[in-house]
Protein backbone atom coordinates (compact mmCIF):
# COMPACT_ATOMS: atom_id res chain seq x y z
CA MET A 1 117.93 82.11 78.16
CA ARG A 2 120.68 82.30 75.62
CA ALA A 3 124.11 80.95 76.58
CA GLN A 4 127.22 82.54 75.13
CA ARG A 5 129.41 80.05 73.35
CA SER A 6 133.00 79.73 74.50
CA ILE A 7 135.77 77.87 72.69
CA ALA A 8 138.54 76.77 75.01
CA ARG A 9 142.10 76.49 73.81
CA GLU A 10 143.39 72.97 73.31
CA SER A 11 145.52 71.70 76.17
CA THR A 12 147.71 68.68 76.57
CA SER A 13 146.42 68.28 80.15
CA PRO A 14 143.35 66.02 80.48
CA ALA A 15 142.04 68.20 83.31
CA ALA A 16 142.16 71.19 81.00
CA ARG A 17 139.56 69.49 78.84
CA CYS A 18 137.00 70.55 81.45
CA SER A 19 136.34 74.24 80.71
CA GLU A 20 133.81 76.82 81.87
CA ALA A 21 131.49 78.85 79.66
CA GLU A 22 129.77 82.03 80.83
CA THR A 23 125.98 82.13 80.46
CA THR A 24 123.46 84.83 81.20
CA SER A 25 122.34 82.96 84.33
CA GLY A 26 125.58 81.64 85.75
CA MET A 27 128.43 79.25 84.94
CA LEU A 28 127.82 76.23 82.72
CA LEU A 29 130.50 73.54 82.47
CA THR A 30 131.26 72.17 78.99
CA LEU A 31 133.61 69.51 77.68
CA GLN A 32 136.53 70.55 75.49
CA PRO A 33 135.86 68.78 72.18
CA ARG A 34 138.65 66.49 71.02
CA ARG A 35 139.95 66.47 67.51
CA SER A 36 138.34 63.87 65.32
CA GLY A 37 139.78 60.41 65.80
CA SER A 38 141.86 61.30 68.84
CA ILE A 39 141.95 58.82 71.72
CA PRO A 40 143.38 59.70 75.09
CA PRO A 41 146.49 57.80 76.02
CA ARG A 42 145.87 54.75 78.21
CA SER A 43 147.61 56.44 81.12
CA ASN A 44 145.15 59.36 80.98
CA ARG A 45 141.89 57.43 80.45
CA SER A 46 141.09 57.23 84.18
CA ASN A 47 141.60 60.97 84.48
CA ALA A 48 139.28 61.58 81.53
CA THR A 49 136.62 59.33 83.03
CA THR A 50 136.86 61.16 86.34
CA CYS A 51 136.55 64.47 84.54
CA THR A 52 133.46 63.31 82.64
CA MET A 53 131.73 62.12 85.81
CA ALA A 54 132.54 65.36 87.60
CA VAL A 55 131.13 67.35 84.72
CA ARG A 56 127.88 65.38 84.75
CA VAL A 57 127.39 65.99 88.46
CA LEU A 58 128.17 69.68 88.21
CA VAL A 59 125.97 70.17 85.16
CA THR A 60 123.07 68.50 86.97
CA LEU A 61 123.49 70.76 90.00
CA LEU A 62 123.84 73.89 87.93
CA LEU A 63 120.83 73.09 85.76
CA ALA A 64 118.75 72.65 88.90
CA THR A 65 119.87 76.10 90.00
CA VAL A 66 119.02 77.59 86.61
CA PHE A 67 115.53 76.10 86.55
CA ALA A 68 114.87 77.27 90.10
CA THR A 69 115.84 80.79 89.06
CA CYS A 70 113.62 80.66 85.97
CA GLY A 71 110.70 79.53 88.18
CA GLU A 72 110.96 82.74 90.23
CA THR A 73 111.24 80.93 93.55
CA ARG A 74 112.54 83.57 95.93
CA HIS A 75 113.39 81.91 99.23
CA ASP A 76 116.08 84.52 99.78
CA GLN A 77 113.44 87.26 99.82
CA ALA A 78 110.77 87.76 102.48
CA LEU A 79 107.18 88.35 101.42
CA LYS A 80 106.20 91.98 101.98
CA LEU A 81 102.56 93.05 102.25
CA GLY A 82 101.17 96.58 102.24
CA LEU A 83 98.01 97.99 103.81
CA LEU A 84 96.51 100.89 101.86
CA THR A 85 93.77 102.55 103.92
CA TYR A 86 92.53 105.87 105.21
CA ILE A 87 93.97 106.98 108.55
CA SER A 88 94.06 110.78 108.65
CA GLU A 89 90.47 111.12 107.40
CA GLY A 90 87.34 109.07 108.01
CA SER A 91 86.29 107.00 110.98
CA ALA A 92 89.05 106.75 113.58
CA GLN A 93 87.42 103.58 114.91
CA ASN A 94 87.41 101.92 111.50
CA ALA A 95 91.00 102.97 110.83
CA GLN A 96 92.18 101.59 114.17
CA ASP A 97 90.40 98.25 113.87
CA ARG A 98 91.53 97.69 110.29
CA GLN A 99 95.16 98.37 111.13
CA ARG A 100 94.88 96.06 114.13
CA ALA A 101 93.42 93.29 111.98
CA PHE A 102 96.21 93.70 109.43
CA HIS A 103 98.94 93.47 112.05
CA LEU A 104 97.17 90.49 113.64
CA ALA A 105 97.34 88.67 110.30
CA ILE A 106 101.06 89.38 110.02
CA ALA A 107 101.57 88.18 113.61
CA HIS A 108 99.73 84.91 112.95
CA LEU A 109 101.78 84.27 109.82
CA ASN A 110 105.07 84.93 111.58
CA GLN A 111 104.15 82.95 114.68
CA ALA A 112 103.76 80.00 112.32
CA GLY A 113 107.23 80.52 110.84
CA GLY A 114 106.32 82.95 108.07
CA VAL A 115 105.97 82.41 104.33
CA PHE A 116 108.78 80.37 102.71
CA GLY A 117 110.04 79.96 106.28
CA ARG A 118 110.83 83.68 106.49
CA PRO A 119 109.04 86.40 108.50
CA VAL A 120 106.48 88.37 106.52
CA GLU A 121 107.20 92.10 106.40
CA ALA A 122 104.48 94.76 106.51
CA VAL A 123 104.05 98.45 105.75
CA VAL A 124 101.02 100.74 106.12
CA ALA A 125 100.17 103.76 103.93
CA ASP A 126 97.53 106.46 104.47
CA THR A 127 95.34 107.22 101.46
CA ALA A 128 93.02 109.65 103.25
CA GLN A 129 89.79 109.79 101.22
CA ASN A 130 91.50 111.05 98.09
CA PRO A 131 91.85 108.91 94.94
CA ASP A 132 94.92 110.77 93.66
CA ARG A 133 96.66 110.28 96.99
CA ALA A 134 95.63 106.62 96.97
CA VAL A 135 97.21 106.17 93.54
CA GLY A 136 100.39 107.91 94.68
CA GLU A 137 100.67 105.84 97.84
CA ALA A 138 100.01 102.62 95.92
CA ARG A 139 102.85 103.45 93.55
CA ARG A 140 105.13 104.35 96.45
CA LEU A 141 104.45 101.02 98.16
CA ILE A 142 105.35 99.21 94.94
CA GLU A 143 108.28 101.28 93.68
CA GLU A 144 109.93 102.36 96.95
CA GLU A 145 108.76 99.89 99.59
CA HIS A 146 108.86 96.98 97.11
CA VAL A 147 105.74 95.26 98.41
CA HIS A 148 104.59 92.12 96.63
CA ALA A 149 100.84 92.49 97.29
CA ILE A 150 98.51 95.06 98.85
CA VAL A 151 95.45 94.95 101.10
CA GLY A 152 93.25 97.90 100.11
CA PRO A 153 92.24 100.53 99.35
CA SER A 154 89.24 100.77 101.66
CA THR A 155 86.86 103.07 99.77
CA SER A 156 85.16 102.61 96.42
CA VAL A 157 86.49 105.84 94.91
CA ASN A 158 90.07 105.08 95.91
CA SER A 159 89.76 101.46 94.83
CA LEU A 160 88.53 102.18 91.31
CA ALA A 161 91.31 104.71 90.78
CA VAL A 162 93.98 102.30 92.00
CA ALA A 163 92.55 99.37 90.05
CA GLU A 164 92.58 101.21 86.72
CA ARG A 165 95.66 103.41 87.19
CA VAL A 166 98.01 101.14 89.15
CA ALA A 167 96.95 97.49 89.29
CA VAL A 168 96.42 97.30 85.54
CA THR A 169 100.11 97.97 84.83
CA ALA A 170 102.01 97.24 88.05
CA GLY A 171 101.38 93.50 88.11
CA ILE A 172 100.72 93.55 91.86
CA PRO A 173 97.56 91.97 93.33
CA PHE A 174 95.25 94.13 95.44
CA VAL A 175 92.42 92.93 97.69
CA SER A 176 90.08 95.65 98.94
CA PRO A 177 88.36 94.83 102.22
CA ALA A 178 85.52 97.32 101.85
CA ALA A 179 84.98 98.73 98.32
CA GLY A 180 81.35 98.15 97.35
CA THR A 181 80.89 99.96 94.04
CA ALA A 182 79.50 97.77 91.29
CA ARG A 183 81.82 99.50 88.80
CA LEU A 184 84.75 97.48 90.15
CA THR A 185 83.20 94.37 88.63
CA ASN A 186 84.13 95.50 85.13
CA ALA A 187 87.20 97.57 85.99
CA VAL A 188 90.13 97.24 83.59
CA ASP A 189 92.67 95.78 86.00
CA ASN A 190 94.21 92.74 84.26
CA ASP A 191 92.66 90.56 86.98
CA PHE A 192 94.90 92.10 89.65
CA PHE A 193 92.09 93.63 91.74
CA PHE A 194 89.90 91.60 94.11
CA ARG A 195 87.62 92.47 97.00
CA ALA A 196 86.77 90.70 100.23
CA THR A 197 83.32 92.25 100.59
CA LEU A 198 80.09 92.05 98.66
CA SER A 199 79.11 94.80 96.25
CA HIS A 200 76.21 97.25 96.42
CA ARG A 201 74.17 94.65 94.56
CA ALA A 202 73.94 92.77 97.86
CA TYR A 203 73.76 95.55 100.46
CA ALA A 204 71.30 97.95 98.81
CA PRO A 205 68.47 95.42 98.31
CA ALA A 206 68.96 94.24 101.90
CA LEU A 207 68.61 97.82 103.14
CA ALA A 208 65.47 98.34 101.03
CA ARG A 209 63.99 95.12 102.39
CA LEU A 210 64.82 96.22 105.95
CA ALA A 211 63.01 99.53 105.39
CA GLY A 212 59.89 97.65 104.34
CA GLU A 213 60.13 95.29 107.30
CA ARG A 214 60.32 98.28 109.65
CA GLY A 215 57.00 99.51 108.27
CA TYR A 216 58.22 102.41 106.15
CA HIS A 217 56.75 103.20 102.74
CA ASN A 218 58.13 106.72 102.18
CA VAL A 219 61.83 107.43 102.67
CA GLY A 220 64.20 110.34 102.35
CA VAL A 221 67.78 109.62 101.34
CA LEU A 222 70.92 111.65 101.90
CA TYR A 223 73.87 110.26 99.98
CA ARG A 224 77.51 111.15 99.51
CA ASP A 225 77.94 112.69 96.09
CA ASP A 226 80.68 110.39 94.83
CA LEU A 227 81.05 107.03 93.16
CA TRP A 228 80.22 105.12 96.34
CA GLY A 229 77.17 107.15 97.35
CA GLN A 230 75.75 107.44 93.86
CA GLY A 231 76.04 103.71 93.20
CA LEU A 232 74.57 102.69 96.54
CA THR A 233 71.66 105.13 96.19
CA GLN A 234 70.82 103.92 92.69
CA ALA A 235 70.92 100.29 93.81
CA PHE A 236 68.66 101.14 96.77
CA ALA A 237 66.19 102.99 94.54
CA ASP A 238 66.09 100.06 92.12
CA ALA A 239 65.15 97.70 94.95
CA TRP A 240 62.69 100.03 96.73
CA ASP A 241 58.96 99.86 95.95
CA GLY A 242 57.79 102.88 97.97
CA SER A 243 58.16 106.63 97.65
CA ILE A 244 61.66 108.07 97.73
CA ARG A 245 63.32 111.48 97.59
CA SER A 246 67.12 111.30 97.30
CA VAL A 247 69.39 114.32 97.79
CA PRO A 248 73.17 114.41 97.24
CA VAL A 249 75.52 115.86 99.84
CA GLY A 250 78.70 117.47 98.60
CA ILE A 251 81.97 116.33 100.13
CA GLY A 252 83.23 118.58 102.91
CA GLN A 253 79.97 120.38 103.73
CA THR A 254 79.64 121.66 107.28
CA SER A 255 75.82 121.81 107.16
CA VAL A 256 73.25 119.69 105.33
CA ALA A 257 70.13 121.48 106.57
CA ASP A 258 68.90 122.37 103.08
CA ALA A 259 69.41 118.81 101.85
CA LEU A 260 67.51 117.49 104.86
CA ARG A 261 64.56 119.79 104.20
CA GLU A 262 64.46 118.75 100.57
CA SER A 263 64.56 115.03 101.41
CA ALA A 264 61.72 115.41 103.94
CA ALA A 265 59.50 117.55 101.71
CA GLY A 266 57.55 114.57 100.40
CA GLY A 267 56.53 113.36 103.86
CA ALA A 268 59.38 110.90 104.43
CA GLN A 269 59.02 108.70 107.51
CA VAL A 270 62.68 107.80 107.87
CA LEU A 271 66.05 109.15 106.75
CA VAL A 272 68.26 106.66 104.93
CA VAL A 273 71.82 107.83 105.60
CA LEU A 274 74.31 106.85 102.90
CA LEU A 275 77.20 108.99 104.12
CA TYR A 276 80.60 108.56 105.74
CA PRO A 277 80.77 108.86 109.55
CA ALA A 278 81.80 112.53 109.82
CA GLU A 279 79.07 113.55 107.38
CA ALA A 280 76.52 111.31 109.07
CA VAL A 281 77.17 112.98 112.43
CA ILE A 282 76.30 116.36 110.88
CA ALA A 283 73.21 114.96 109.14
CA ALA A 284 71.81 113.13 112.17
CA ARG A 285 72.42 116.02 114.55
CA GLU A 286 70.78 118.58 112.26
CA ALA A 287 67.87 116.24 111.44
CA LEU A 288 67.12 115.91 115.15
CA ASP A 289 67.67 119.60 115.93
CA LEU A 290 65.40 120.71 113.08
CA GLY A 291 62.74 118.16 114.02
CA LEU A 292 62.74 116.71 110.51
CA TYR A 293 63.55 113.10 111.40
CA ASP A 294 63.79 110.91 114.46
CA GLN A 295 63.98 107.60 112.58
CA PHE A 296 67.10 106.51 110.70
CA LEU A 297 68.44 103.67 108.58
CA TRP A 298 72.22 103.36 108.14
CA SER A 299 74.66 102.06 105.55
CA GLY A 300 77.49 99.70 106.40
CA ALA A 301 79.96 102.61 106.55
CA LEU A 302 78.25 103.64 109.81
CA GLN A 303 78.59 100.29 111.54
CA ASN A 304 80.80 101.80 114.26
CA LEU A 305 80.42 103.85 117.43
CA ASP A 306 81.30 107.26 115.96
CA LEU A 307 77.66 108.40 115.83
CA ILE A 308 76.85 107.09 119.30
CA GLU A 309 79.79 108.94 120.79
CA ALA A 310 78.96 112.17 118.95
CA ILE A 311 75.18 112.29 119.34
CA GLY A 312 74.29 109.95 122.20
CA ALA A 313 72.84 106.49 122.50
CA ASP A 314 69.35 107.61 123.52
CA ALA A 315 68.80 109.64 120.35
CA LEU A 316 69.80 106.80 118.04
CA ALA A 317 68.59 103.77 120.00
CA ASP A 318 66.76 101.14 117.97
CA SER A 319 67.81 102.55 114.60
CA TYR A 320 68.90 99.86 112.17
CA GLY A 321 71.43 99.38 109.42
CA VAL A 322 72.97 96.77 107.15
CA GLY A 323 76.61 96.01 106.49
CA ALA A 324 79.28 93.36 106.28
CA SER A 325 78.80 90.35 108.51
CA ALA A 326 80.70 87.26 109.46
CA SER A 327 79.35 83.92 108.34
CA GLY A 328 77.03 81.80 110.42
CA GLN A 329 80.14 80.35 112.08
CA PRO A 330 82.01 83.57 112.95
CA ALA A 331 85.52 82.16 113.53
CA PRO A 332 85.65 82.06 117.35
CA ALA A 333 89.38 81.34 117.31
CA TRP A 334 89.94 84.53 115.37
CA VAL A 335 87.81 86.61 117.74
CA GLU A 336 89.63 85.14 120.73
CA SER A 337 93.03 85.94 119.23
CA TYR A 338 91.94 89.51 118.46
CA VAL A 339 90.76 90.05 122.03
CA GLN A 340 93.97 88.55 123.40
CA ALA A 341 95.99 90.95 121.27
CA TYR A 342 93.99 94.14 121.80
CA GLY A 343 91.81 93.62 124.87
CA GLU A 344 88.49 94.00 123.04
CA PRO A 345 86.76 92.69 119.90
CA PRO A 346 86.68 94.88 116.78
CA VAL A 347 83.82 97.36 116.67
CA GLY A 348 84.55 99.11 113.38
CA SER A 349 83.47 97.66 110.07
CA TYR A 350 85.54 95.44 107.76
CA ALA A 351 88.25 94.45 110.24
CA ARG A 352 87.65 90.76 109.47
CA GLU A 353 87.89 91.44 105.76
CA VAL A 354 91.27 93.15 106.20
CA TYR A 355 92.58 90.11 108.06
CA ASP A 356 91.23 87.72 105.43
CA ALA A 357 92.72 89.72 102.57
CA ALA A 358 96.19 89.66 104.14
CA ILE A 359 96.03 85.94 104.94
CA ALA A 360 94.73 85.02 101.48
CA LEU A 361 97.54 86.94 99.77
CA ALA A 362 100.17 85.31 101.97
CA LEU A 363 98.77 81.81 101.44
CA ALA A 364 98.65 82.42 97.68
CA ALA A 365 102.34 83.35 97.75
CA GLN A 366 103.15 80.18 99.69
CA ALA A 367 101.03 78.07 97.34
CA GLY A 368 102.82 79.51 94.32
CA ASN A 369 106.20 79.33 96.06
CA SER A 370 106.90 82.83 94.78
CA THR A 371 106.75 86.55 95.52
CA ASP A 372 105.96 87.33 91.88
CA GLY A 373 102.73 89.32 91.65
CA ALA A 374 101.24 87.33 88.79
CA VAL A 375 101.95 84.04 90.56
CA ILE A 376 100.30 85.30 93.76
CA ARG A 377 97.28 86.45 91.75
CA ASP A 378 97.00 83.11 89.97
CA HIS A 379 96.90 81.24 93.28
CA LEU A 380 94.44 83.52 95.10
CA ARG A 381 91.41 81.63 93.87
CA THR A 382 92.93 78.20 94.46
CA VAL A 383 93.61 78.76 98.19
CA VAL A 384 90.01 79.80 98.92
CA SER A 385 87.97 77.43 96.74
CA GLY A 386 88.17 74.04 95.12
CA PRO A 387 89.55 70.84 96.60
CA GLY A 388 91.71 70.96 99.68
CA GLU A 389 91.83 70.80 103.46
CA PRO A 390 89.40 73.26 105.11
CA ILE A 391 91.27 75.96 107.04
CA THR A 392 89.65 78.27 109.60
CA ALA A 393 90.80 81.78 110.47
CA GLY A 394 93.03 82.19 113.50
CA PRO A 395 96.57 81.31 114.56
CA ASP A 396 96.18 77.53 114.49
CA GLY A 397 94.43 77.57 111.13
CA VAL A 398 97.07 79.80 109.56
CA ALA A 399 99.86 77.59 110.88
CA ARG A 400 98.17 74.49 109.48
CA ALA A 401 97.62 76.17 106.10
CA LEU A 402 101.29 77.11 105.76
CA GLU A 403 102.33 73.58 106.72
CA VAL A 404 100.04 71.93 104.17
CA LEU A 405 101.09 74.28 101.38
CA ALA A 406 104.79 73.91 102.16
CA ASP A 407 104.33 70.15 101.79
CA GLY A 408 102.70 70.60 98.38
CA GLY A 409 99.12 70.07 99.56
CA GLN A 410 95.93 72.03 98.87
CA ILE A 411 93.77 74.09 101.21
CA VAL A 412 90.48 75.97 101.27
CA TYR A 413 90.81 79.02 103.52
CA GLN A 414 87.49 79.87 105.18
CA GLY A 415 87.84 83.44 106.34
CA ALA A 416 86.98 85.24 109.54
CA SER A 417 84.41 87.15 107.47
CA GLY A 418 83.10 84.12 105.61
CA PRO A 419 83.87 82.33 102.34
CA LEU A 420 86.21 84.05 99.89
CA ALA A 421 85.41 82.26 96.64
CA TRP A 422 86.21 84.80 93.91
CA ASP A 423 84.64 84.82 90.47
CA ALA A 424 86.37 85.81 87.23
CA ASN A 425 85.93 89.52 88.06
CA GLY A 426 87.45 89.32 91.53
CA ASP A 427 84.00 89.59 93.16
CA LEU A 428 82.80 87.25 95.89
CA ARG A 429 80.49 84.50 94.71
CA GLN A 430 78.73 84.56 98.06
CA GLY A 431 78.85 86.30 101.40
CA TYR A 432 76.77 87.53 104.30
CA VAL A 433 74.91 90.79 104.81
CA GLY A 434 74.38 91.65 108.45
CA VAL A 435 71.42 93.50 109.94
CA TRP A 436 72.42 95.46 113.05
CA ARG A 437 71.08 98.16 115.35
CA TYR A 438 72.23 100.74 117.84
CA THR A 439 71.14 99.97 121.41
CA SER A 440 70.14 102.34 124.21
CA ASP A 441 73.27 101.44 126.17
CA GLY A 442 75.57 102.49 123.33
CA ARG A 443 76.35 99.18 121.66
CA ILE A 444 76.02 97.72 118.19
CA GLU A 445 73.85 94.61 118.28
CA HIS A 446 73.92 92.14 115.41
CA VAL A 447 70.35 91.10 114.67
CA ARG A 448 70.65 88.54 111.88
CA ARG A 449 72.65 87.48 108.84
CA ILE A 450 71.45 87.12 105.28
CA LEU A 451 73.27 84.83 102.84
CA HIS A 452 73.83 86.43 99.45
CA GLU A 453 74.85 84.34 96.44
CA SER A 454 75.59 85.74 93.00
């Protein structure tokens, strides 16, 4: 910061020797220089001494203010978080549970007094399943809503677009709760894009292993013909030792009968469904109606009750899938608080990850004592790994974390979904893959958890 010099006119009054000079950051007091060899009269020496002492005190106070400003500490400004997710398209169950988890995180932060002692503000934006819309909504949240960090987007396609077209230049950290594409690992994002879920490199091999455990050696695959589906299918094929016939499904198709016939032509025993919920409903219903398949394996995107409600529990009972899972200690305090708030636990996928992303961003802001995007980014890794007091998800854990950070201490936030230790690419160093199944009474039963470490 450059200060403008100011030369005060000479005055016969000792008090006038204390003058003010304008600077770019405020007012800086300076002493009026005396002419060489001049000595204040004896009668004015006490006044001069008083003036000098006053100047020293004021300069000290003003310098403290200047340095606080340069450090970007913004206690006069509340932290504002955005949620960028699909609402108008996709699974209604997933959309509901993810919004609930986001608002639960904000509630826990504010019940504890907020970040910087101020309530955290929140805003939600609908991306649909459209990358251009996701980019537009991300920019709107930043430029018009003035958010400081964003949870989302939810899908791989939307996330890659936002990472490379928004995060790379906006200087705002994003944490996706659900984007699995491996291409995000090397996305050009200036280290502003993170994710709270494992990549396809974890889920696809687990699904291939599950297929073998279920006794299958010949599979048909229907996959969504986009970045997410293509990447997941390739990762599955790389991990699969048996026969496979994979067929893409175009976005927006109202029938997939031809694709089903093609996938089953090689004698497939089971249909591996790598589609979004609305597409999976069409595929499963037509597979059953045509008599092509009665055995299914599901991706994590289908870890919700949409299919059960559309097709019926009996038709899908005892079909298995893999997806995101909580750790071996699934944060009971968090589950209890969710049930207290909404009357039921989350059923849709990635609700825990949404909560963890919001809490991690808020704790990073508190740790950095700033709403500046780069500062929040630089503290994201420190609040979830390294030395510090272990913090569990839930209202009491969040309150304790804010208290420790406000006192200058260190924490390690252990999320509702599991550990959140991020590597240099913003990917999780470890996490859990869950094996689950649909039951005959219309539930999702979690069978086991598999630890994945990169």
